[in-house]
Amino acid sequence: MSQTYSKFLLSFLFFYLIIIDIGLANDEGVQNKPKEPTLKYYELEETEMKYTKDGREFLSYLVNCALPDGIVAYSIIDGQKYEFPGAIGLAPNWLNEALTEEEEEEEEEEEERWVSACILARTNYFGIKVEISMRAEHKKFESLQTEEQEKDEFTIYEGDFFGNLFAWDPVAYTCSGERATEENDDPVFTKRVCTEVDEKLNAAEKNITRCGFVLTGSCSDSKAHTMEGNEYREVISVYLKPQKETETMRKKFK
């Protein structure tokens, strides 16, 4: 699935949604116009995040990752309505129950990991928008499946993203995708640096990227997705669109 994104506030949120069904009115006088789907609007419960610009930005990505298309979370602040539409649908159960600090069931932890992977994959160090292709071919999420046209356009394997931002001790991981030398030199990596090690942030025995994620090594390593004894199956791979023509591309489309 191709996405654009910007920076987010690295934090976690416990929230609950109150359902209100609102149908969209059909436009009159328009012939053969497809019927607009009925949206379901959910009001966010009280949370400090909705009162700040950064908090609302985080909320927008959180809801977009967690809830499916057709669902819109909203909040009214000082008479202004803020909407946060769902899209990818990695944690649909969050519609019916709040996140808590209590011990979660296995399914709840799995959803937390999927949403975390989605947010991490869409993180940008510079706070700029870059089009990406998010993929999880090993999991039956329709929103993360990729058509051939998208695969042909987004050919640079940036890496995998995984972790759990909702755990008592939040963790964020990434591994580096295998790339040809000419792909490593593509200008797109001047805008995407979350798999790039930052020597200033390196902790003992850990490689820390410029986005503050732990770099686990090459994604081709069999242990790249296992950290501190935990194997992460909730992984999202990110592919980038080349910004310059490479020899590989010339050979492929010749």
Protein backbone atom coordinates (compact mmCIF):
# COMPACT_ATOMS: atom_id res chain seq x y z
CA MET A 1 0.00 0.00 0.00
CA SER A 2 1.44 3.34 -1.04
CA GLN A 3 1.40 6.03 1.65
CA THR A 4 2.69 9.52 2.36
CA TYR A 5 3.63 10.61 5.86
CA SER A 6 5.38 13.17 8.02
CA LYS A 7 6.88 13.26 11.52
CA PHE A 8 4.99 11.95 14.55
CA LEU A 9 5.19 12.38 18.30
CA LEU A 10 6.84 9.22 19.69
CA SER A 11 4.53 8.44 22.55
CA PHE A 12 1.60 6.18 23.30
CA LEU A 13 -2.09 6.77 23.94
CA PHE A 14 -4.85 5.05 25.88
CA PHE A 15 -8.19 6.03 24.41
CA TYR A 16 -11.78 4.91 23.99
CA LEU A 17 -14.19 5.69 21.16
CA ILE A 18 -17.92 6.44 21.47
CA ILE A 19 -19.82 5.42 18.35
CA ILE A 20 -22.16 7.71 16.43
CA ASP A 21 -23.43 6.61 13.00
CA ILE A 22 -23.79 9.45 10.50
CA GLY A 23 -24.68 8.86 6.85
CA LEU A 24 -23.37 11.14 4.12
CA ALA A 25 -26.10 12.94 2.17
CA ASN A 26 -26.16 12.14 -1.56
CA ASP A 27 -25.61 15.05 -3.96
CA GLU A 28 -28.72 15.83 -5.98
CA GLY A 29 -28.75 16.32 -9.73
CA VAL A 30 -25.63 14.23 -10.40
CA GLN A 31 -26.25 11.33 -12.76
CA ASN A 32 -24.44 7.99 -12.43
CA LYS A 33 -22.44 9.17 -9.45
CA PRO A 34 -21.31 6.26 -7.22
CA LYS A 35 -23.08 6.25 -3.89
CA GLU A 36 -20.92 7.55 -1.10
CA PRO A 37 -20.30 4.97 1.62
CA THR A 38 -21.83 5.50 5.03
CA LEU A 39 -19.18 6.70 7.45
CA LYS A 40 -19.19 5.83 11.12
CA TYR A 41 -18.02 8.64 13.36
CA TYR A 42 -16.50 7.94 16.78
CA GLU A 43 -15.83 10.61 19.37
CA LEU A 44 -12.52 10.41 21.19
CA GLU A 45 -12.66 10.29 24.96
CA GLU A 46 -10.65 12.78 26.99
CA THR A 47 -6.92 12.72 26.20
CA GLU A 48 -4.30 15.43 26.49
CA MET A 49 -3.00 14.65 23.02
CA LYS A 50 -5.97 16.11 21.21
CA TYR A 51 -5.22 19.59 22.59
CA THR A 52 -1.86 20.03 20.86
CA LYS A 53 -0.84 20.13 17.20
CA ASP A 54 1.76 17.40 17.66
CA GLY A 55 -0.68 15.29 19.64
CA ARG A 56 -3.35 15.56 16.95
CA GLU A 57 -0.76 14.66 14.31
CA PHE A 58 0.12 11.52 16.25
CA LEU A 59 -3.58 10.76 16.66
CA SER A 60 -4.12 11.07 12.92
CA TYR A 61 -1.49 8.42 12.18
CA LEU A 62 -2.56 6.23 15.07
CA VAL A 63 -6.19 6.15 13.94
CA ASN A 64 -5.20 5.87 10.27
CA CYS A 65 -3.12 2.79 11.05
CA ALA A 66 -5.47 1.19 13.56
CA LEU A 67 -8.96 1.65 12.14
CA PRO A 68 -10.39 0.64 8.77
CA ASP A 69 -11.56 2.81 5.92
CA GLY A 70 -15.04 4.21 6.57
CA ILE A 71 -14.34 4.91 10.25
CA VAL A 72 -13.65 8.47 11.41
CA ALA A 73 -12.63 9.42 14.94
CA TYR A 74 -13.23 13.04 15.89
CA SER A 75 -12.95 15.54 18.70
CA ILE A 76 -14.46 18.99 19.18
CA ILE A 77 -12.15 21.50 20.86
CA ASP A 78 -13.26 25.08 21.49
CA GLY A 79 -15.98 24.68 18.88
CA GLN A 80 -13.62 23.32 16.20
CA LYS A 81 -14.03 19.78 14.97
CA TYR A 82 -10.94 17.68 14.26
CA GLU A 83 -11.37 14.48 12.29
CA PHE A 84 -9.05 11.47 12.20
CA PRO A 85 -10.05 9.01 9.45
CA GLY A 86 -9.16 5.34 9.55
CA ALA A 87 -7.63 3.60 6.55
CA ILE A 88 -5.42 0.57 7.10
CA GLY A 89 -7.38 -1.28 9.78
CA LEU A 90 -4.66 -3.10 11.72
CA ALA A 91 -6.50 -3.00 15.07
CA PRO A 92 -10.26 -3.00 14.45
CA ASN A 93 -10.95 -4.28 17.99
CA TRP A 94 -9.90 -0.90 19.35
CA LEU A 95 -13.34 0.34 18.38
CA ASN A 96 -14.91 -1.70 21.16
CA GLU A 97 -12.49 -1.43 24.05
CA ALA A 98 -9.96 0.95 25.52
CA LEU A 99 -6.26 0.26 25.70
CA THR A 100 -5.24 -0.28 29.31
CA GLU A 101 -2.05 -0.66 31.28
CA GLU A 102 -3.21 -4.05 32.50
CA GLU A 103 -1.75 -7.24 31.17
CA GLU A 104 -3.02 -7.62 27.59
CA GLU A 105 -4.20 -10.74 25.88
CA GLU A 106 -2.12 -12.14 23.04
CA GLU A 107 -4.46 -10.71 20.38
CA GLU A 108 -4.32 -7.24 21.90
CA GLU A 109 -0.52 -7.31 21.97
CA GLU A 110 -0.48 -8.43 18.33
CA GLU A 111 -2.63 -5.44 17.35
CA GLU A 112 -0.40 -3.09 19.33
CA ARG A 113 2.62 -4.42 17.44
CA TRP A 114 0.94 -4.02 14.05
CA VAL A 115 -0.08 -0.44 14.75
CA SER A 116 3.39 0.32 16.11
CA ALA A 117 5.00 -1.09 12.96
CA CYS A 118 2.74 1.09 10.84
CA ILE A 119 3.56 4.26 12.77
CA LEU A 120 7.28 3.53 12.76
CA ALA A 121 7.24 2.82 9.02
CA ARG A 122 5.66 6.22 8.38
CA THR A 123 8.10 8.16 10.54
CA ASN A 124 10.19 10.88 8.91
CA TYR A 125 13.13 12.47 10.72
CA PHE A 126 12.79 15.73 8.79
CA GLY A 127 9.02 16.03 9.10
CA ILE A 128 8.53 15.99 5.33
CA LYS A 129 6.23 13.94 3.16
CA VAL A 130 7.71 11.09 1.15
CA GLU A 131 5.69 8.53 -0.75
CA ILE A 132 6.33 4.99 0.46
CA SER A 133 5.02 1.48 -0.21
CA MET A 134 4.13 -0.43 2.97
CA ARG A 135 3.96 -4.19 2.60
CA ALA A 136 3.21 -7.23 4.72
CA GLU A 137 2.73 -10.03 2.25
CA HIS A 138 2.89 -12.61 5.04
CA LYS A 139 -0.21 -11.25 6.75
CA LYS A 140 -3.72 -11.15 5.30
CA PHE A 141 -4.27 -7.41 5.57
CA GLU A 142 -5.73 -6.27 2.26
CA SER A 143 -4.45 -2.74 2.86
CA LEU A 144 -0.85 -4.02 3.00
CA GLN A 145 -0.98 -6.17 -0.12
CA THR A 146 0.78 -4.82 -3.19
CA GLU A 147 -0.19 -4.83 -6.86
CA GLU A 148 2.35 -5.31 -9.63
CA GLN A 149 2.23 -1.66 -10.72
CA GLU A 150 3.16 -0.52 -7.23
CA LYS A 151 5.97 -3.07 -7.06
CA ASP A 152 7.32 -1.75 -10.35
CA GLU A 153 7.27 1.86 -9.10
CA PHE A 154 8.61 1.29 -5.57
CA THR A 155 11.68 -0.85 -6.06
CA ILE A 156 14.13 0.24 -3.35
CA TYR A 157 13.88 -1.93 -0.23
CA GLU A 158 14.44 0.51 2.63
CA GLY A 159 13.89 -1.95 5.46
CA ASP A 160 11.48 -3.46 7.98
CA PHE A 161 9.87 -1.74 10.95
CA PHE A 162 8.54 -3.35 14.11
CA GLY A 163 8.21 -2.93 17.88
CA ASN A 164 5.60 -1.97 20.45
CA LEU A 165 5.04 1.70 21.28
CA PHE A 166 2.20 0.76 23.67
CA ALA A 167 4.20 -1.51 25.96
CA TRP A 168 5.09 -0.42 29.48
CA ASP A 169 8.62 -0.02 28.14
CA PRO A 170 8.10 1.10 24.50
CA VAL A 171 10.46 -0.36 21.90
CA ALA A 172 11.11 0.62 18.27
CA TYR A 173 13.17 -1.48 15.87
CA THR A 174 14.21 -1.44 12.24
CA CYS A 175 16.44 -3.51 9.98
CA SER A 176 18.08 -2.50 6.73
CA GLY A 177 16.86 -3.92 3.42
CA GLU A 178 19.24 -5.34 0.88
CA ARG A 179 20.05 -2.77 -1.80
CA ALA A 180 22.43 -2.36 -4.71
CA THR A 181 25.11 0.31 -4.37
CA GLU A 182 23.37 2.54 -6.90
CA GLU A 183 20.16 2.27 -4.85
CA ASN A 184 21.98 3.34 -1.67
CA ASP A 185 23.10 6.45 -3.54
CA ASP A 186 19.58 7.40 -4.61
CA PRO A 187 18.51 10.93 -3.51
CA VAL A 188 15.48 9.48 -1.73
CA PHE A 189 17.79 8.58 1.15
CA THR A 190 18.40 12.26 1.79
CA LYS A 191 14.77 12.32 2.93
CA ARG A 192 14.50 8.88 4.58
CA VAL A 193 17.09 8.26 7.31
CA CYS A 194 15.35 6.07 9.91
CA THR A 195 17.52 3.06 8.95
CA GLU A 196 20.70 5.18 9.07
CA VAL A 197 22.86 4.81 12.17
CA ASP A 198 23.48 7.99 14.14
CA GLU A 199 26.86 7.72 15.85
CA LYS A 200 25.86 10.44 18.32
CA LEU A 201 22.94 8.35 19.57
CA ASN A 202 24.68 4.99 19.80
CA ALA A 203 24.23 3.30 23.16
CA ALA A 204 26.38 0.46 24.47
CA GLU A 205 26.15 -2.56 22.16
CA LYS A 206 23.24 -1.05 20.23
CA ASN A 207 23.06 0.76 16.91
CA ILE A 208 20.61 3.66 17.18
CA THR A 209 19.29 5.28 14.01
CA ARG A 210 18.70 8.97 13.47
CA CYS A 211 15.03 8.43 14.32
CA GLY A 212 15.94 6.80 17.63
CA PHE A 213 15.12 3.25 16.52
CA VAL A 214 17.34 0.26 17.31
CA LEU A 215 18.90 -1.06 14.09
CA THR A 216 18.97 -4.85 14.32
CA GLY A 217 21.14 -5.36 11.24
CA SER A 218 20.26 -6.65 7.80
CA CYS A 219 16.69 -7.81 7.26
CA SER A 220 18.08 -10.92 5.55
CA ASP A 221 19.55 -12.05 8.88
CA SER A 222 17.42 -14.80 10.41
CA LYS A 223 17.66 -13.06 13.80
CA ALA A 224 16.89 -9.55 12.56
CA HIS A 225 13.32 -9.65 13.87
CA THR A 226 14.12 -11.21 17.26
CA MET A 227 15.05 -8.84 20.08
CA GLU A 228 15.58 -9.63 23.74
CA GLY A 229 14.09 -13.08 23.25
CA ASN A 230 10.94 -11.78 21.54
CA GLU A 231 10.28 -12.72 17.94
CA TYR A 232 8.30 -10.08 16.05
CA ARG A 233 6.04 -11.41 13.31
CA GLU A 234 4.16 -8.10 13.07
CA VAL A 235 6.57 -6.51 10.62
CA ILE A 236 5.95 -3.93 7.89
CA SER A 237 8.41 -3.63 5.03
CA VAL A 238 8.90 -0.27 3.32
CA TYR A 239 9.87 0.21 -0.32
CA LEU A 240 10.78 3.56 -1.84
CA LYS A 241 10.35 5.08 -5.27
CA PRO A 242 13.71 5.84 -6.94
CA GLN A 243 14.28 9.51 -7.64
CA LYS A 244 16.87 8.87 -10.31
CA GLU A 245 17.09 6.31 -13.10
CA THR A 246 19.47 3.47 -12.26
CA GLU A 247 21.22 0.91 -14.41
CA THR A 248 19.00 -1.77 -12.89
CA MET A 249 15.89 0.14 -13.97
CA ARG A 250 17.25 0.68 -17.49
CA LYS A 251 17.87 -3.04 -17.89
CA LYS A 252 14.48 -3.95 -16.49
CA PHE A 253 12.44 -1.69 -18.76
CA LYS A 254 14.65 -1.86 -21.85
